[in-house]
Amino acid sequence: MNDFRLPLGDLAEGFIDVLTDTLGWFFAIIRTVFLAFYDAVEFVLATPPFWIVIVALAALAWFLKGWKLSLGTALGLLVIVGVDQWDHAMESLALVLVASTIAIALAVPVGIWTARSDLASRIVRPVLDFMQTMPAFVYLIPALILFRVGVVPGIVATIVFAMAPGVRLTELGIRGVDKEVVEAGHAFGASPGRILRQIQLPLAMPSIMAGVNQVIMLSLSMVVIAGMVGAGGLGGDVVASLNRIDVALGFEAGLSVVILAIILDRITGALGSGAGRRRAGRKSSSQATGAQATTAQATGAQATSAPATGASATSAPDAAAQATTSPTAASAAPAADAPVPARTA
């Protein structure tokens, strides 16, 4: 019994070897595309002076949430500049943006597919469990073999690790849409695609935005792990501080990661709450329109009843006249009933 062993590791290694031999050209194309995407984003973030980027992000935060988030964003980024981690922070931010964008672009369609098909949901769910529970370091081994050392293995490992919450929350949001609303869309003859675009996705947007937030947060949590395979950025500084037992460098790089995480979390949260407020505003507007219509109907009913009211007012003098004559009639009635006195001889 001690000699029994399942050759799962050998099978996985053989599978990676087959992929490398047969699809090496395909992975080379993916590496080129991902690297070009990363270089473009990193160029936009790192080339301008730091104060331009700070002003742009603070303006975005002010537009989405208000002056408090804008002020906090500016102060946090100034702290990163103060500890001389700006360039590395922009490299890590570029990696997070690239990886999270690709992960969201893959997760949302898969979530829509699983929400519309129970069979697809049953198939995809164990795959997502595997992706979410497998240690992130394990993803780096085949990524290094397929994409070589550099930033691309970190991007690929980040995509695989961060994609699962986006799929789950997209499916949850679409399945949570009120079935009566969907049935009303079918009753009006809307196509499935139109129901998805105009009913299900708008109503599921809070859940989808929560998935986007989780994807970005998990992507940022992979920064340090990506630094172990040559991705650089703040993760590279954390790894270097660990190798040298440099407390100061490790604290400064870790603090910069925390600041980026808080800023991204608040901005994406503001995006989700802003969409919810817009939907609530549209709902209240529709309710106000319905109330106005009801008021107009009531006003019309009152206008219709006005002639009847005039007629009642016109008949009031007659009623008063009847009330005036009623005492005479009442006094005449007893006189009629009184006995006639007998005539005397």
Protein backbone atom coordinates (compact mmCIF):
# COMPACT_ATOMS: atom_id res chain seq x y z
CA MET A 1 0.00 0.00 0.00
CA ASN A 2 2.93 2.34 0.71
CA ASP A 3 4.11 1.96 -2.89
CA PHE A 4 0.77 3.15 -4.29
CA ARG A 5 0.89 6.68 -5.66
CA LEU A 6 -1.33 8.58 -8.07
CA PRO A 7 0.84 10.15 -10.79
CA LEU A 8 -1.12 13.41 -10.85
CA GLY A 9 2.00 15.55 -10.78
CA ASP A 10 3.52 13.64 -13.69
CA LEU A 11 0.30 14.06 -15.66
CA ALA A 12 0.28 17.81 -15.03
CA GLU A 13 3.93 18.10 -16.07
CA GLY A 14 3.27 16.12 -19.23
CA PHE A 15 0.29 18.33 -20.04
CA ILE A 16 2.41 21.48 -19.73
CA ASP A 17 5.10 19.90 -21.93
CA VAL A 18 2.50 19.16 -24.60
CA LEU A 19 1.22 22.73 -24.44
CA THR A 20 4.72 24.11 -24.74
CA ASP A 21 5.57 21.91 -27.75
CA THR A 22 2.32 22.33 -29.68
CA LEU A 23 1.06 25.79 -28.72
CA GLY A 24 4.27 27.64 -28.02
CA TRP A 25 3.55 30.11 -30.82
CA PHE A 26 0.12 30.88 -29.32
CA PHE A 27 1.56 31.65 -25.88
CA ALA A 28 4.23 33.80 -27.51
CA ILE A 29 1.46 35.89 -29.11
CA ILE A 30 -0.34 36.19 -25.79
CA ARG A 31 2.91 37.28 -24.13
CA THR A 32 3.46 39.95 -26.76
CA VAL A 33 -0.09 41.30 -26.45
CA PHE A 34 -0.08 41.37 -22.65
CA LEU A 35 3.35 42.98 -22.56
CA ALA A 36 2.31 45.67 -25.04
CA PHE A 37 -0.84 46.35 -23.03
CA TYR A 38 1.17 46.65 -19.82
CA ASP A 39 3.81 48.89 -21.40
CA ALA A 40 1.11 51.24 -22.71
CA VAL A 41 -0.62 51.58 -19.33
CA GLU A 42 2.68 51.93 -17.49
CA PHE A 43 3.77 54.64 -19.95
CA VAL A 44 0.57 56.63 -19.31
CA LEU A 45 0.98 56.40 -15.53
CA ALA A 46 4.76 56.80 -15.15
CA THR A 47 5.73 59.24 -17.90
CA PRO A 48 3.85 62.40 -16.75
CA PRO A 49 5.01 64.23 -13.62
CA PHE A 50 3.60 62.74 -10.46
CA TRP A 51 1.46 65.80 -9.69
CA ILE A 52 -0.45 65.45 -12.97
CA VAL A 53 -1.40 61.87 -12.12
CA ILE A 54 -2.35 62.90 -8.59
CA VAL A 55 -4.57 65.71 -9.87
CA ALA A 56 -6.23 63.38 -12.40
CA LEU A 57 -6.99 60.69 -9.82
CA ALA A 58 -8.16 63.25 -7.26
CA ALA A 59 -10.49 64.79 -9.87
CA LEU A 60 -11.89 61.34 -10.66
CA ALA A 61 -12.45 60.68 -6.95
CA TRP A 62 -14.16 64.08 -6.54
CA PHE A 63 -16.43 63.40 -9.51
CA LEU A 64 -17.46 59.97 -8.23
CA LYS A 65 -17.74 60.54 -4.48
CA GLY A 66 -16.94 64.06 -3.36
CA TRP A 67 -14.21 66.21 -1.91
CA LYS A 68 -13.44 63.89 1.02
CA LEU A 69 -12.41 60.99 -1.22
CA SER A 70 -10.58 63.42 -3.48
CA LEU A 71 -8.59 64.84 -0.57
CA GLY A 72 -7.80 61.38 0.78
CA THR A 73 -6.65 60.21 -2.63
CA ALA A 74 -4.33 63.18 -3.04
CA LEU A 75 -2.86 62.80 0.45
CA GLY A 76 -2.33 59.06 0.03
CA LEU A 77 -0.54 59.47 -3.29
CA LEU A 78 1.61 62.24 -1.80
CA VAL A 79 2.66 59.81 0.93
CA ILE A 80 3.77 57.37 -1.77
CA VAL A 81 5.79 60.16 -3.37
CA GLY A 82 7.25 61.04 0.02
CA VAL A 83 8.61 57.52 0.62
CA ASP A 84 10.13 57.45 -2.90
CA GLN A 85 7.93 54.61 -4.15
CA TRP A 86 6.09 56.47 -6.91
CA ASP A 87 7.67 54.72 -9.92
CA HIS A 88 7.26 51.26 -8.40
CA ALA A 89 3.69 52.09 -7.35
CA MET A 90 2.82 53.07 -10.92
CA GLU A 91 4.32 49.80 -12.21
CA SER A 92 2.18 47.83 -9.76
CA LEU A 93 -0.88 49.91 -10.58
CA ALA A 94 -0.36 49.23 -14.28
CA LEU A 95 -0.13 45.48 -13.59
CA VAL A 96 -3.31 45.60 -11.50
CA LEU A 97 -5.23 47.58 -14.12
CA VAL A 98 -4.17 45.29 -16.98
CA ALA A 99 -4.84 42.06 -15.09
CA SER A 100 -8.17 43.23 -13.62
CA THR A 101 -9.38 44.57 -16.98
CA ILE A 102 -8.71 41.25 -18.69
CA ALA A 103 -10.18 39.30 -15.77
CA ILE A 104 -13.38 41.40 -15.81
CA ALA A 105 -13.65 41.10 -19.59
CA LEU A 106 -13.60 37.32 -19.16
CA ALA A 107 -15.60 37.05 -15.95
CA VAL A 108 -18.69 39.07 -16.87
CA PRO A 109 -19.56 37.09 -20.06
CA VAL A 110 -18.95 33.81 -18.25
CA GLY A 111 -21.17 35.01 -15.39
CA ILE A 112 -23.93 35.92 -17.86
CA TRP A 113 -23.61 32.51 -19.49
CA THR A 114 -23.84 30.65 -16.17
CA ALA A 115 -26.81 32.79 -15.10
CA ARG A 116 -28.75 31.86 -18.23
CA SER A 117 -27.87 28.16 -18.21
CA ASP A 118 -28.10 25.83 -15.21
CA LEU A 119 -25.93 23.27 -16.99
CA ALA A 120 -23.18 25.85 -17.56
CA SER A 121 -23.42 26.89 -13.92
CA ARG A 122 -22.94 23.31 -12.74
CA ILE A 123 -19.93 22.90 -15.04
CA VAL A 124 -18.23 26.20 -14.24
CA ARG A 125 -18.75 26.15 -10.46
CA PRO A 126 -16.16 23.43 -9.67
CA VAL A 127 -13.67 25.12 -11.99
CA LEU A 128 -14.12 28.37 -10.08
CA ASP A 129 -13.70 26.52 -6.78
CA PHE A 130 -10.42 25.10 -8.06
CA MET A 131 -9.20 28.49 -9.27
CA GLN A 132 -10.10 30.23 -6.02
CA THR A 133 -8.70 27.66 -3.58
CA MET A 134 -5.50 26.63 -5.35
CA PRO A 135 -2.50 28.47 -3.82
CA ALA A 136 -1.48 31.39 -6.00
CA PHE A 137 2.15 30.25 -6.05
CA VAL A 138 1.11 27.15 -7.97
CA TYR A 139 -0.09 29.29 -10.88
CA LEU A 140 3.36 30.80 -11.24
CA ILE A 141 5.06 27.51 -12.13
CA PRO A 142 3.28 26.85 -15.46
CA ALA A 143 3.11 30.59 -16.11
CA LEU A 144 6.90 30.79 -15.91
CA ILE A 145 7.27 27.86 -18.30
CA LEU A 146 4.76 29.21 -20.83
CA PHE A 147 5.54 32.94 -20.67
CA ARG A 148 9.12 33.17 -19.30
CA VAL A 149 10.32 35.43 -16.50
CA GLY A 150 8.87 38.92 -16.40
CA VAL A 151 5.65 40.77 -15.84
CA VAL A 152 3.50 38.53 -18.07
CA PRO A 153 3.55 35.46 -15.75
CA GLY A 154 2.44 37.74 -12.94
CA ILE A 155 -0.43 39.08 -15.08
CA VAL A 156 -1.56 35.58 -16.07
CA ALA A 157 -1.42 34.27 -12.49
CA THR A 158 -3.32 37.34 -11.30
CA ILE A 159 -6.05 36.84 -13.92
CA VAL A 160 -6.57 33.21 -12.93
CA PHE A 161 -6.59 34.01 -9.22
CA ALA A 162 -8.87 37.07 -9.39
CA MET A 163 -11.40 35.98 -12.01
CA ALA A 164 -13.64 33.76 -9.84
CA PRO A 165 -15.44 36.45 -7.76
CA GLY A 166 -16.37 38.35 -10.91
CA VAL A 167 -18.08 35.28 -12.39
CA ARG A 168 -19.88 34.37 -9.17
CA LEU A 169 -21.21 37.84 -8.39
CA THR A 170 -22.31 38.46 -11.98
CA GLU A 171 -24.29 35.22 -11.96
CA LEU A 172 -25.72 36.03 -8.53
CA GLY A 173 -26.83 39.49 -9.62
CA ILE A 174 -28.58 38.33 -12.79
CA ARG A 175 -30.28 35.41 -11.05
CA GLY A 176 -31.45 37.80 -8.32
CA VAL A 177 -33.44 39.98 -10.73
CA ASP A 178 -37.17 39.82 -10.00
CA LYS A 179 -38.75 37.21 -12.28
CA GLU A 180 -41.92 39.26 -12.60
CA VAL A 181 -39.94 42.08 -14.21
CA VAL A 182 -38.41 39.64 -16.70
CA GLU A 183 -41.82 38.12 -17.42
CA ALA A 184 -43.20 41.61 -18.05
CA GLY A 185 -40.45 42.11 -20.62
CA HIS A 186 -41.42 38.86 -22.32
CA ALA A 187 -45.08 39.90 -22.24
CA PHE A 188 -44.24 43.09 -24.14
CA GLY A 189 -42.43 41.05 -26.80
CA ALA A 190 -38.84 41.98 -25.90
CA SER A 191 -36.13 39.69 -27.21
CA PRO A 192 -33.85 37.83 -24.76
CA GLY A 193 -30.94 40.07 -25.71
CA ARG A 194 -32.95 43.22 -25.07
CA ILE A 195 -34.18 41.87 -21.73
CA LEU A 196 -30.58 41.18 -20.79
CA ARG A 197 -29.35 44.63 -21.81
CA GLN A 198 -32.23 46.76 -20.56
CA ILE A 199 -33.60 44.82 -17.58
CA GLN A 200 -31.26 42.22 -16.12
CA LEU A 201 -27.88 43.94 -16.42
CA PRO A 202 -29.05 47.33 -15.07
CA LEU A 203 -30.80 45.71 -12.10
CA ALA A 204 -27.82 43.42 -11.45
CA MET A 205 -25.29 46.25 -11.68
CA PRO A 206 -24.69 46.59 -7.89
CA SER A 207 -23.72 42.93 -7.65
CA ILE A 208 -21.59 43.15 -10.81
CA MET A 209 -19.76 46.21 -9.45
CA ALA A 210 -19.12 44.34 -6.21
CA GLY A 211 -17.53 41.62 -8.33
CA VAL A 212 -15.41 44.22 -10.11
CA ASN A 213 -14.27 45.55 -6.74
CA GLN A 214 -13.29 42.07 -5.57
CA VAL A 215 -11.40 41.37 -8.79
CA ILE A 216 -9.35 44.54 -8.36
CA MET A 217 -8.63 43.82 -4.70
CA LEU A 218 -7.49 40.27 -5.44
CA SER A 219 -5.37 41.53 -8.31
CA LEU A 220 -3.64 43.94 -5.96
CA SER A 221 -3.07 41.16 -3.45
CA MET A 222 -1.07 39.32 -6.13
CA VAL A 223 1.42 42.18 -6.53
CA VAL A 224 3.91 40.71 -4.07
CA ILE A 225 3.63 37.22 -5.54
CA ALA A 226 4.12 38.61 -9.04
CA GLY A 227 7.27 40.32 -7.80
CA MET A 228 8.81 36.89 -7.20
CA VAL A 229 8.84 36.15 -10.93
CA GLY A 230 10.37 39.41 -12.05
CA ALA A 231 7.27 41.60 -12.32
CA GLY A 232 8.97 44.40 -10.39
CA GLY A 233 6.98 47.19 -8.84
CA LEU A 234 6.13 47.24 -5.16
CA GLY A 235 6.15 43.45 -5.07
CA GLY A 236 9.79 43.44 -6.15
CA ASP A 237 10.65 45.79 -3.28
CA VAL A 238 8.81 43.59 -0.78
CA VAL A 239 10.68 40.51 -2.03
CA ALA A 240 14.00 42.39 -1.91
CA SER A 241 13.32 43.59 1.64
CA LEU A 242 12.53 40.01 2.64
CA ASN A 243 15.78 38.75 1.18
CA ARG A 244 17.83 41.50 2.86
CA ILE A 245 15.77 41.68 6.09
CA ASP A 246 15.24 45.37 5.34
CA VAL A 247 12.42 46.50 7.62
CA ALA A 248 12.34 50.07 6.34
CA LEU A 249 12.02 49.13 2.66
CA GLY A 250 9.44 46.47 3.43
CA PHE A 251 7.31 48.87 5.47
CA GLU A 252 7.43 51.61 2.84
CA ALA A 253 6.54 49.23 0.00
CA GLY A 254 3.79 47.58 2.06
CA LEU A 255 2.33 50.95 3.03
CA SER A 256 2.25 51.96 -0.63
CA VAL A 257 0.34 48.77 -1.47
CA VAL A 258 -2.17 49.54 1.29
CA ILE A 259 -2.70 53.10 0.01
CA LEU A 260 -3.30 51.89 -3.55
CA ALA A 261 -5.72 49.25 -2.25
CA ILE A 262 -7.75 51.81 -0.28
CA ILE A 263 -7.92 54.24 -3.21
CA LEU A 264 -8.99 51.57 -5.69
CA ASP A 265 -11.53 50.13 -3.26
CA ARG A 266 -13.15 53.50 -2.59
CA ILE A 267 -13.24 54.50 -6.25
CA THR A 268 -14.79 51.23 -7.43
CA GLY A 269 -17.22 51.35 -4.50
CA ALA A 270 -18.22 54.86 -5.54
CA LEU A 271 -18.82 53.61 -9.07
CA GLY A 272 -21.21 50.95 -7.79
CA SER A 273 -23.05 53.27 -5.39
CA GLY A 274 -23.30 55.94 -8.08
CA ALA A 275 -25.02 53.48 -10.41
CA GLY A 276 -27.38 52.54 -7.59
CA ARG A 277 -28.21 56.18 -6.90
CA ARG A 278 -28.92 56.79 -10.57
CA ARG A 279 -31.29 53.81 -10.67
CA ALA A 280 -32.97 54.99 -7.47
CA GLY A 281 -33.35 58.44 -9.01
CA ARG A 282 -34.95 56.98 -12.11
CA LYS A 283 -37.30 54.90 -9.94
CA SER A 284 -38.31 57.91 -7.84
CA SER A 285 -38.83 59.94 -11.02
CA SER A 286 -41.13 57.26 -12.41
CA GLN A 287 -42.98 57.12 -9.10
CA ALA A 288 -43.35 60.91 -9.13
CA THR A 289 -44.65 60.75 -12.69
CA GLY A 290 -47.19 58.15 -11.65
CA ALA A 291 -48.23 60.29 -8.69
CA GLN A 292 -48.68 63.27 -10.98
CA ALA A 293 -50.81 61.18 -13.32
CA THR A 294 -52.93 60.04 -10.38
CA THR A 295 -53.32 63.64 -9.23
CA ALA A 296 -54.36 64.68 -12.72
CA GLN A 297 -56.98 61.96 -12.77
CA ALA A 298 -58.28 63.07 -9.39
CA THR A 299 -58.39 66.68 -10.60
CA GLY A 300 -60.38 65.59 -13.64
CA ALA A 301 -62.81 63.72 -11.44
CA GLN A 302 -63.28 66.80 -9.30
CA ALA A 303 -63.85 68.91 -12.40
CA THR A 304 -66.42 66.38 -13.59
CA SER A 305 -68.26 66.47 -10.28
CA ALA A 306 -68.36 70.30 -10.29
CA PRO A 307 -71.65 70.54 -12.32
CA ALA A 308 -73.31 68.15 -9.90
CA THR A 309 -72.13 70.35 -7.06
CA GLY A 310 -73.60 73.39 -8.85
CA ALA A 311 -76.89 71.58 -9.26
CA SER A 312 -76.93 70.79 -5.57
CA ALA A 313 -76.24 74.44 -4.80
CA THR A 314 -79.06 75.46 -7.15
CA SER A 315 -81.58 73.18 -5.39
CA ALA A 316 -80.60 74.50 -1.99
CA PRO A 317 -83.16 77.43 -2.06
CA ASP A 318 -85.94 74.98 -2.83
CA ALA A 319 -84.89 72.88 0.13
CA ALA A 320 -84.81 75.99 2.28
CA ALA A 321 -88.28 76.92 1.02
CA GLN A 322 -89.54 73.47 1.90
CA ALA A 323 -87.98 73.81 5.34
CA THR A 324 -89.67 77.22 5.73
CA THR A 325 -93.11 75.89 4.83
CA SER A 326 -92.79 72.77 6.91
CA PRO A 327 -93.94 74.41 10.22
CA THR A 328 -97.19 75.57 8.58
CA ALA A 329 -97.82 72.11 7.28
CA ALA A 330 -96.98 70.67 10.66
CA SER A 331 -99.36 73.08 12.38
CA ALA A 332 -102.06 72.34 9.82
CA ALA A 333 -101.90 68.66 10.41
CA PRO A 334 -103.07 68.74 14.04
CA ALA A 335 -105.87 71.15 13.07
CA ALA A 336 -107.12 68.65 10.55
CA ASP A 337 -107.01 65.89 13.10
CA ALA A 338 -108.75 67.92 15.86
CA PRO A 339 -112.42 66.86 16.63
CA VAL A 340 -115.18 69.07 15.22
CA PRO A 341 -117.25 70.63 18.07
CA ALA A 342 -120.94 69.65 18.16
CA ARG A 343 -123.50 72.20 17.21
CA THR A 344 -125.82 73.33 19.94
CA ALA A 345 -129.53 73.52 19.44
